[in-house]
């Protein structure tokens, strides 16, 4: 499973890294530091990834079965 964060949709609410501290972090401006990235979810962190996606009011986070072809 993969997690993808759309940089254009991220508005810096901070809910994602609040519910997924072992997976996501914030940058100096309060945005998720991993915005614009797609990576494989480490073992044991799928639950946090799903919570982060559910917590994002902008829908900037997606949990995917396969990596996008452009990742």
PDB file of N, CA and C in Angstrom:
ATOM      1  N   UNK A   1       0.852  -1.179   0.000  1.00  0.00           N
ATOM      2  CA  UNK A   1       0.000   0.000   0.000  1.00  0.00           C
ATOM      3  C   UNK A   1       0.897   1.242   0.000  1.00  0.00           C
ATOM      4  N   UNK A   2       0.353   2.299  -0.618  1.00  0.00           N
ATOM      5  CA  UNK A   2       1.094   3.541  -0.767  1.00  0.00           C
ATOM      6  C   UNK A   2       0.273   4.702  -0.233  1.00  0.00           C
ATOM      7  N   UNK A   3       0.963   5.758   0.176  1.00  0.00           N
ATOM      8  CA  UNK A   3       0.300   6.993   0.576  1.00  0.00           C
ATOM      9  C   UNK A   3       0.804   8.090  -0.352  1.00  0.00           C
ATOM     10  N   UNK A   4      -0.119   8.917  -0.796  1.00  0.00           N
ATOM     11  CA  UNK A   4       0.202  10.005  -1.705  1.00  0.00           C
ATOM     12  C   UNK A   4      -0.391  11.291  -1.143  1.00  0.00           C
ATOM     13  N   UNK A   5       0.398  12.367  -1.186  1.00  0.00           N
ATOM     14  CA  UNK A   5      -0.071  13.655  -0.681  1.00  0.00           C
ATOM     15  C   UNK A   5       0.017  14.685  -1.796  1.00  0.00           C
ATOM     16  N   UNK A   6      -1.134  15.202  -2.192  1.00  0.00           N
ATOM     17  CA  UNK A   6      -1.227  16.190  -3.262  1.00  0.00           C
ATOM     18  C   UNK A   6      -0.834  17.563  -2.708  1.00  0.00           C
ATOM     19  N   UNK A   7       0.289  18.082  -3.195  1.00  0.00           N
ATOM     20  CA  UNK A   7       0.798  19.364  -2.710  1.00  0.00           C
ATOM     21  C   UNK A   7      -0.150  20.518  -3.016  1.00  0.00           C
ATOM     22  N   UNK A   8      -0.848  20.447  -4.136  1.00  0.00           N
ATOM     23  CA  UNK A   8      -1.756  21.528  -4.520  1.00  0.00           C
ATOM     24  C   UNK A   8      -3.000  21.587  -3.639  1.00  0.00           C
ATOM     25  N   UNK A   9      -3.414  20.456  -3.107  1.00  0.00           N
ATOM     26  CA  UNK A   9      -4.614  20.425  -2.265  1.00  0.00           C
ATOM     27  C   UNK A   9      -4.314  20.698  -0.797  1.00  0.00           C
ATOM     28  N   UNK A  10      -3.094  20.445  -0.356  1.00  0.00           N
ATOM     29  CA  UNK A  10      -2.733  20.604   1.061  1.00  0.00           C
ATOM     30  C   UNK A  10      -2.815  22.074   1.464  1.00  0.00           C
ATOM     31  N   UNK A  11      -3.607  22.354   2.503  1.00  0.00           N
ATOM     32  CA  UNK A  11      -3.777  23.717   2.996  1.00  0.00           C
ATOM     33  C   UNK A  11      -3.143  23.922   4.378  1.00  0.00           C
ATOM     34  N   UNK A  12      -2.489  22.906   4.905  1.00  0.00           N
ATOM     35  CA  UNK A  12      -1.770  23.057   6.163  1.00  0.00           C
ATOM     36  C   UNK A  12      -2.619  23.009   7.414  1.00  0.00           C
ATOM     37  N   UNK A  13      -3.719  22.282   7.380  1.00  0.00           N
ATOM     38  CA  UNK A  13      -4.571  22.169   8.572  1.00  0.00           C
ATOM     39  C   UNK A  13      -3.865  21.420   9.706  1.00  0.00           C
ATOM     40  N   UNK A  14      -2.983  20.494   9.368  1.00  0.00           N
ATOM     41  CA  UNK A  14      -2.210  19.778  10.375  1.00  0.00           C
ATOM     42  C   UNK A  14      -2.900  18.578  10.984  1.00  0.00           C
ATOM     43  N   UNK A  15      -4.073  18.260  10.549  1.00  0.00           N
ATOM     44  CA  UNK A  15      -4.794  17.122  11.121  1.00  0.00           C
ATOM     45  C   UNK A  15      -4.105  15.804  10.798  1.00  0.00           C
ATOM     46  N   UNK A  16      -3.499  15.725   9.619  1.00  0.00           N
ATOM     47  CA  UNK A  16      -2.885  14.465   9.180  1.00  0.00           C
ATOM     48  C   UNK A  16      -1.713  14.075  10.070  1.00  0.00           C
ATOM     49  N   UNK A  17      -0.799  14.983  10.298  1.00  0.00           N
ATOM     50  CA  UNK A  17       0.351  14.606  11.124  1.00  0.00           C
ATOM     51  C   UNK A  17       0.003  14.527  12.600  1.00  0.00           C
ATOM     52  N   UNK A  18      -1.124  15.100  12.987  1.00  0.00           N
ATOM     53  CA  UNK A  18      -1.577  14.947  14.366  1.00  0.00           C
ATOM     54  C   UNK A  18      -2.061  13.523  14.637  1.00  0.00           C
ATOM     55  N   UNK A  19      -2.710  12.894  13.635  1.00  0.00           N
ATOM     56  CA  UNK A  19      -3.229  11.537  13.826  1.00  0.00           C
ATOM     57  C   UNK A  19      -2.259  10.458  13.345  1.00  0.00           C
ATOM     58  N   UNK A  20      -1.212  10.860  12.622  1.00  0.00           N
ATOM     59  CA  UNK A  20      -0.245   9.885  12.092  1.00  0.00           C
ATOM     60  C   UNK A  20       1.190  10.335  12.379  1.00  0.00           C
ATOM     61  N   UNK A  21       1.529  10.511  13.653  1.00  0.00           N
ATOM     62  CA  UNK A  21       2.855  11.049  13.993  1.00  0.00           C
ATOM     63  C   UNK A  21       4.024  10.127  13.646  1.00  0.00           C
ATOM     64  N   UNK A  22       3.765   8.850  13.472  1.00  0.00           N
ATOM     65  CA  UNK A  22       4.843   7.923  13.114  1.00  0.00           C
ATOM     66  C   UNK A  22       5.060   7.869  11.599  1.00  0.00           C
ATOM     67  N   UNK A  23       4.192   8.530  10.850  1.00  0.00           N
ATOM     68  CA  UNK A  23       4.235   8.478   9.391  1.00  0.00           C
ATOM     69  C   UNK A  23       4.472   9.851   8.771  1.00  0.00           C
ATOM     70  N   UNK A  24       3.912  10.898   9.385  1.00  0.00           N
ATOM     71  CA  UNK A  24       3.960  12.245   8.819  1.00  0.00           C
ATOM     72  C   UNK A  24       4.505  13.247   9.827  1.00  0.00           C
ATOM     73  N   UNK A  25       5.059  14.323   9.306  1.00  0.00           N
ATOM     74  CA  UNK A  25       5.560  15.399  10.164  1.00  0.00           C
ATOM     75  C   UNK A  25       5.229  16.734   9.511  1.00  0.00           C
ATOM     76  N   UNK A  26       5.460  17.814  10.248  1.00  0.00           N
ATOM     77  CA  UNK A  26       5.167  19.141   9.717  1.00  0.00           C
ATOM     78  C   UNK A  26       6.459  19.859   9.339  1.00  0.00           C
ATOM     79  N   UNK A  27       6.316  20.829   8.422  1.00  0.00           N
ATOM     80  CA  UNK A  27       7.464  21.636   8.038  1.00  0.00           C
ATOM     81  C   UNK A  27       7.421  22.964   8.805  1.00  0.00           C
ATOM     82  N   UNK A  28       8.328  23.868   8.489  1.00  0.00           N
ATOM     83  CA  UNK A  28       8.420  25.147   9.203  1.00  0.00           C
ATOM     84  C   UNK A  28       7.201  26.042   9.007  1.00  0.00           C
ATOM     85  N   UNK A  29       6.418  25.775   7.959  1.00  0.00           N
ATOM     86  CA  UNK A  29       5.237  26.586   7.679  1.00  0.00           C
ATOM     87  C   UNK A  29       3.943  25.931   8.153  1.00  0.00           C
ATOM     88  N   UNK A  30       4.035  24.754   8.774  1.00  0.00           N
ATOM     89  CA  UNK A  30       2.857  24.068   9.289  1.00  0.00           C
ATOM     90  C   UNK A  30       2.201  23.110   8.324  1.00  0.00           C
ATOM     91  N   UNK A  31       2.761  22.981   7.126  1.00  0.00           N
ATOM     92  CA  UNK A  31       2.250  22.012   6.162  1.00  0.00           C
ATOM     93  C   UNK A  31       2.847  20.645   6.459  1.00  0.00           C
ATOM     94  N   UNK A  32       2.225  19.596   5.941  1.00  0.00           N
ATOM     95  CA  UNK A  32       2.806  18.271   6.076  1.00  0.00           C
ATOM     96  C   UNK A  32       4.109  18.275   5.264  1.00  0.00           C
ATOM     97  N   UNK A  33       5.188  17.864   5.883  1.00  0.00           N
ATOM     98  CA  UNK A  33       6.511  17.919   5.254  1.00  0.00           C
ATOM     99  C   UNK A  33       6.608  17.030   4.018  1.00  0.00           C
ATOM    100  N   UNK A  34       5.794  16.004   3.936  1.00  0.00           N
ATOM    101  CA  UNK A  34       5.857  15.051   2.840  1.00  0.00           C
ATOM    102  C   UNK A  34       4.929  15.406   1.677  1.00  0.00           C
ATOM    103  N   UNK A  35       4.377  16.615   1.651  1.00  0.00           N
ATOM    104  CA  UNK A  35       3.448  16.966   0.578  1.00  0.00           C
ATOM    105  C   UNK A  35       4.152  16.886  -0.775  1.00  0.00           C
ATOM    106  N   UNK A  36       3.390  16.425  -1.748  1.00  0.00           N
ATOM    107  CA  UNK A  36       3.930  16.247  -3.090  1.00  0.00           C
ATOM    108  C   UNK A  36       4.642  14.921  -3.287  1.00  0.00           C
ATOM    109  N   UNK A  37       4.602  14.057  -2.292  1.00  0.00           N
ATOM    110  CA  UNK A  37       5.309  12.782  -2.367  1.00  0.00           C
ATOM    111  C   UNK A  37       4.339  11.599  -2.365  1.00  0.00           C
ATOM    112  N   UNK A  38       4.834  10.467  -2.837  1.00  0.00           N
ATOM    113  CA  UNK A  38       4.125   9.197  -2.774  1.00  0.00           C
ATOM    114  C   UNK A  38       5.151   8.150  -2.376  1.00  0.00           C
ATOM    115  N   UNK A  39       4.832   7.342  -1.377  1.00  0.00           N
ATOM    116  CA  UNK A  39       5.768   6.323  -0.920  1.00  0.00           C
ATOM    117  C   UNK A  39       5.019   5.141  -0.335  1.00  0.00           C
ATOM    118  N   UNK A  40       5.741   4.048  -0.218  1.00  0.00           N
ATOM    119  CA  UNK A  40       5.150   2.833   0.340  1.00  0.00           C
ATOM    120  C   UNK A  40       4.977   3.010   1.842  1.00  0.00           C
ATOM    121  N   UNK A  41       3.817   2.623   2.325  1.00  0.00           N
ATOM    122  CA  UNK A  41       3.521   2.738   3.751  1.00  0.00           C
ATOM    123  C   UNK A  41       4.295   1.656   4.493  1.00  0.00           C
ATOM    124  N   UNK A  42       5.095   2.046   5.487  1.00  0.00           N
ATOM    125  CA  UNK A  42       5.832   1.049   6.257  1.00  0.00           C
ATOM    126  C   UNK A  42       4.890   0.085   6.980  1.00  0.00           C
ATOM    127  N   UNK A  43       5.364  -1.110   7.170  1.00  0.00           N
ATOM    128  CA  UNK A  43       4.578  -2.135   7.850  1.00  0.00           C
ATOM    129  C   UNK A  43       4.137  -1.637   9.219  1.00  0.00           C
ATOM    130  N   UNK A  44       2.882  -1.874   9.523  1.00  0.00           N
ATOM    131  CA  UNK A  44       2.322  -1.489  10.811  1.00  0.00           C
ATOM    132  C   UNK A  44       1.752  -0.079  10.857  1.00  0.00           C
ATOM    133  N   UNK A  45       1.888   0.689   9.769  1.00  0.00           N
ATOM    134  CA  UNK A  45       1.417   2.074   9.790  1.00  0.00           C
ATOM    135  C   UNK A  45       0.236   2.338   8.848  1.00  0.00           C
ATOM    136  N   UNK A  46      -0.350   1.281   8.307  1.00  0.00           N
ATOM    137  CA  UNK A  46      -1.496   1.448   7.421  1.00  0.00           C
ATOM    138  C   UNK A  46      -2.648   2.146   8.141  1.00  0.00           C
ATOM    139  N   UNK A  47      -2.893   1.791   9.374  1.00  0.00           N
ATOM    140  CA  UNK A  47      -3.972   2.419  10.143  1.00  0.00           C
ATOM    141  C   UNK A  47      -3.773   3.921  10.267  1.00  0.00           C
ATOM    142  N   UNK A  48      -2.542   4.337  10.555  1.00  0.00           N
ATOM    143  CA  UNK A  48      -2.262   5.769  10.655  1.00  0.00           C
ATOM    144  C   UNK A  48      -2.448   6.455   9.302  1.00  0.00           C
ATOM    145  N   UNK A  49      -2.034   5.794   8.228  1.00  0.00           N
ATOM    146  CA  UNK A  49      -2.193   6.367   6.888  1.00  0.00           C
ATOM    147  C   UNK A  49      -3.676   6.572   6.576  1.00  0.00           C
ATOM    148  N   UNK A  50      -4.497   5.593   6.897  1.00  0.00           N
ATOM    149  CA  UNK A  50      -5.932   5.701   6.647  1.00  0.00           C
ATOM    150  C   UNK A  50      -6.560   6.797   7.499  1.00  0.00           C
ATOM    151  N   UNK A  51      -6.115   6.912   8.755  1.00  0.00           N
ATOM    152  CA  UNK A  51      -6.617   7.981   9.628  1.00  0.00           C
ATOM    153  C   UNK A  51      -6.229   9.349   9.095  1.00  0.00           C
ATOM    154  N   UNK A  52      -5.005   9.472   8.589  1.00  0.00           N
ATOM    155  CA  UNK A  52      -4.544  10.742   8.029  1.00  0.00           C
ATOM    156  C   UNK A  52      -5.386  11.125   6.815  1.00  0.00           C
ATOM    157  N   UNK A  53      -5.650  10.168   5.952  1.00  0.00           N
ATOM    158  CA  UNK A  53      -6.476  10.436   4.769  1.00  0.00           C
ATOM    159  C   UNK A  53      -7.884  10.858   5.186  1.00  0.00           C
ATOM    160  N   UNK A  54      -8.448  10.183   6.160  1.00  0.00           N
ATOM    161  CA  UNK A  54      -9.789  10.512   6.638  1.00  0.00           C
ATOM    162  C   UNK A  54      -9.832  11.886   7.320  1.00  0.00           C
ATOM    163  N   UNK A  55      -8.729  12.279   7.954  1.00  0.00           N
ATOM    164  CA  UNK A  55      -8.690  13.534   8.705  1.00  0.00           C
ATOM    165  C   UNK A  55      -8.501  14.761   7.824  1.00  0.00           C
ATOM    166  N   UNK A  56      -8.042  14.574   6.601  1.00  0.00           N
ATOM    167  CA  UNK A  56      -7.734  15.718   5.733  1.00  0.00           C
ATOM    168  C   UNK A  56      -9.010  16.311   5.141  1.00  0.00           C
ATOM    169  N   UNK A  57      -9.365  17.539   5.513  1.00  0.00           N
ATOM    170  CA  UNK A  57     -10.586  18.139   4.996  1.00  0.00           C
ATOM    171  C   UNK A  57     -10.492  18.507   3.514  1.00  0.00           C
ATOM    172  N   UNK A  58      -9.289  18.585   2.996  1.00  0.00           N
ATOM    173  CA  UNK A  58      -9.097  18.947   1.588  1.00  0.00           C
ATOM    174  C   UNK A  58      -9.025  17.731   0.675  1.00  0.00           C
ATOM    175  N   UNK A  59      -8.957  16.524   1.246  1.00  0.00           N
ATOM    176  CA  UNK A  59      -8.834  15.325   0.440  1.00  0.00           C
ATOM    177  C   UNK A  59      -7.486  15.225  -0.261  1.00  0.00           C
ATOM    178  N   UNK A  60      -6.458  15.790   0.353  1.00  0.00           N
ATOM    179  CA  UNK A  60      -5.131  15.817  -0.253  1.00  0.00           C
ATOM    180  C   UNK A  60      -4.370  14.507  -0.095  1.00  0.00           C
ATOM    181  N   UNK A  61      -4.855  13.622   0.769  1.00  0.00           N
ATOM    182  CA  UNK A  61      -4.137  12.386   1.058  1.00  0.00           C
ATOM    183  C   UNK A  61      -4.929  11.192   0.537  1.00  0.00           C
ATOM    184  N   UNK A  62      -4.211  10.330  -0.176  1.00  0.00           N
ATOM    185  CA  UNK A  62      -4.842   9.117  -0.702  1.00  0.00           C
ATOM    186  C   UNK A  62      -4.019   7.904  -0.294  1.00  0.00           C
ATOM    187  N   UNK A  63      -4.704   6.850   0.092  1.00  0.00           N
ATOM    188  CA  UNK A  63      -4.066   5.561   0.359  1.00  0.00           C
ATOM    189  C   UNK A  63      -4.380   4.689  -0.859  1.00  0.00           C
ATOM    190  N   UNK A  64      -3.340   4.204  -1.502  1.00  0.00           N
ATOM    191  CA  UNK A  64      -3.469   3.493  -2.776  1.00  0.00           C
ATOM    192  C   UNK A  64      -2.908   2.085  -2.698  1.00  0.00           C
ATOM    193  N   UNK A  65      -3.499   1.182  -3.454  1.00  0.00           N
ATOM    194  CA  UNK A  65      -2.984  -0.197  -3.487  1.00  0.00           C
ATOM    195  C   UNK A  65      -1.682  -0.293  -4.271  1.00  0.00           C
ATOM    196  N   UNK A  66      -1.555   0.520  -5.296  1.00  0.00           N
ATOM    197  CA  UNK A  66      -0.328   0.526  -6.103  1.00  0.00           C
ATOM    198  C   UNK A  66       0.141   1.969  -6.276  1.00  0.00           C
ATOM    199  N   UNK A  67       1.413   2.112  -6.546  1.00  0.00           N
ATOM    200  CA  UNK A  67       1.967   3.448  -6.770  1.00  0.00           C
ATOM    201  C   UNK A  67       1.470   3.986  -8.104  1.00  0.00           C
ATOM    202  N   UNK A  68       1.172   5.268  -8.162  1.00  0.00           N
ATOM    203  CA  UNK A  68       0.789   5.859  -9.446  1.00  0.00           C
ATOM    204  C   UNK A  68       1.950   5.732 -10.430  1.00  0.00           C
ATOM    205  N   UNK A  69       1.649   5.689 -11.695  1.00  0.00           N
ATOM    206  CA  UNK A  69       2.693   5.515 -12.696  1.00  0.00           C
ATOM    207  C   UNK A  69       3.680   6.667 -12.743  1.00  0.00           C
ATOM    208  N   UNK A  70       3.275   7.846 -12.250  1.00  0.00           N
ATOM    209  CA  UNK A  70       4.167   9.000 -12.256  1.00  0.00           C
ATOM    210  C   UNK A  70       4.909   9.175 -10.939  1.00  0.00           C
ATOM    211  N   UNK A  71       4.769   8.247 -10.007  1.00  0.00           N
ATOM    212  CA  UNK A  71       5.431   8.377  -8.697  1.00  0.00           C
ATOM    213  C   UNK A  71       6.849   7.866  -8.756  1.00  0.00           C
TER     214      UNK A  71
END
